[in-house]
Amino acid sequence: MIDFFKLATPGVQGLQPYQPGKPLEELEREYGITNAIKLASNENPIGPSPRALEMVQASLKNLARYPDGNCCLLKTALAKKHGVDMNTLTLGNGSNDVLDLIARTFVTPAHSIIFSEYAFAIYPLVTQAISAKAIVIPATNWGHDLTAMQAAIRDDTRLIFIANPNNPTGTYVDKIRLKTFLDAVPEQVLVVLDEAYYEYAIAENPDYPDSLDWLTDYSNLITTRTFSKAYGLAGLRVGYSISHPDIAHLLNRLRQPFNVNNLAILAATAALDDNEHLEKSIALNRQGMQQLTQAFEAMKLDFIPSLGNFVSVNVGDGAKVYELLLRQGVITRPIGGYNMPQHLRVTIGTAAENERFIKALGEVLNHI
């Protein structure tokens, strides 16, 4: 029999599949639990905009039609929203898709990619998949050490990934440090600012940068964002990048023509126009963050201050506490795979969900 493993590329041979958060249905089936809650995947607890839902419902009759391969409706809305030209945009099946496109467009096995310790798991995955060299920079206070990242740039470095704020730590890089870093990066090295949690971060801290302000100054800068978090459209998978038009042109050569489906295009376009729902989501996140962090302080648990819609907390044994919480119908995210075995990453939920988690965590910790 053929050994198909040997037929795979070296990069794929060395990959371990990404492990998503445990689905609610799986937990309830395994443990015979009902009314479980999921605080594991950084989803918006109040869901999508009503306008997005209305748009999806109205478009269901057209599911037999292919999407617009150029996504003109959504591109037009994004260009207006951000004050950019449509030719700077690249759309993807979630921002993960765009991150993968960037790596596969510009990086070969002869190149290196720089990213931080504790950075988003997709960065090492895409680096490994294309057999590029990963240069992993030790974190400082759980966050990006930009000085060390700059010093690590080699002649073969083609790409630097910076998640801002970072997942799973929630740490961020401020305006001054980030601009100083961009000034020092050679123009042939692309810098990807992964801003999946932008809407939450920009609302909470005046030192958090809006990288779109810098796109005309740095032609090697690429900003990626998503509709999966604050806009509540994780199930439809739509993200995008904004970059120099020449970069976008190359990415769109490789991008599959129908990588964003009809429902995602329409829902995202409608969501962009619903500022009331976005503000409601941000306000709920702010309240929930305070609710969780105050509880952690009361329990004397160390946590990492976060600008996202999640917080990582040191519970001593993340895997054990995770399993015990599952038995109480609460799904969180152990992050031992990020070399943070003592921590759980907890998504901000509704006030009731947060309270249920806090109560369950207290009971679990009292019995360990």
Foldseek 3Di string as FASTA:
>chain_A
DDDVLVVADQLVNPDDDDDAFDDLVVLCVVQVDPPFDEFAHQFQQVFADPLLVVLLVVCPVVQVDFDQLLLVLLLVLVCVLLVHDSLQKDKFLALLRVVLLLCVLWHALQAEEEEEQLADPSVVSSCSNRNHHYDYHYADLSADDLVVRLVPDDPRYAEYEHEALGPPAQDHDFDVVVVVSLVSDDLNHAYEYEDQQVLLQVVPDVRHDDCSVCQVVRQRYKYKYGCRHLNRPVVQGMIMIGHRSVSSVSSSVVDDSRRHGPSRSRSSSSSSVCVVSSVVSSVQLVVLVVVQVVLCVVVVWDWRDHSGQKIKIFLQAQVVLQVQVSSVSYHWAQVVVSVRRRITIGGRHGPVNSVSVSVSSVVSSVVD
